[in-house]
Amino acid sequence: MSFLELAKARYSCRKLTDKPIEPEKIERILQAAIAAPTAKNLQRYTLWKIQSPEAFDKLKQATPYTFGSALAIVVGAKKDGAFDRPFDNKNFAEIDAAIVATHLMLAVQDEGLGTTWVGWFDAPKMQVLFPEMQDYELIAVFPIGYPAESAKPASRHAERRPLEEVVVEL
C-alpha cells in the first residue's frame, strides 16, 4: 500500500475489541513512533503504554474514550530541553510529540489495527493517577485494538477541502 493509500484508509476507529494484540505489532508501532523526526533530534517526548488492567482502570478515570480497547498509548511532550526557535522562543516539544503521535497513528493503521486521536481527557487528573506524567504536556491518548465488525469511518471522513482552497502559491 502506498503512503497516500494508507493515509486515506486511516480513520478514527471508535469501536475496538479487547482481543490481545501480538507483541510484534506493538513493537513495530512503537518503532515507527520513535522514527519520527524532532527538532534538532532532541526527542523530548515519552510514550506510556497502558496495558495492565490496573493502569487501564486509572486511564478510564481520566477519559471515557477507550472504545473497548485493552491497550492505549499516551503521548507526552517535555518542554524542558526541547528546541526553542531563537527568533521568538517558540518551544517545539508539543510539535515534535504531535509528529510522533501521527507516526504512531499511521503505524496502527498499517498493522491492521484501529485507533483514534483522543484529546478529550483530564490531563491534571492523569498526572495525579500517573505521577510519571507530571512534568509533561499530555498530547493525546491512543486506544488501540482490532476494529470491531461494526466499526466504520464517520460519515464525513472522506470530505476534504479542495487543494485550491488550502494551497497558496506565492
Foldseek 3Di string as FASTA:
>chain_A
DDPVVLVLPAAAWLAFAQPDDDPVLVVQLLVQLLVFDFVVNQPQKDKDKQADPVSVVLQCVFPVRLNHYRIKIWMWFAQVRADQDVVPRDGRRLVRSVRSVVSSQSSLSVSQKHWHWDPRTRVVSVCVVPVVCVNTDTRTMINIHHRDPPIDHDPCSNDDDDPVVVDDDD
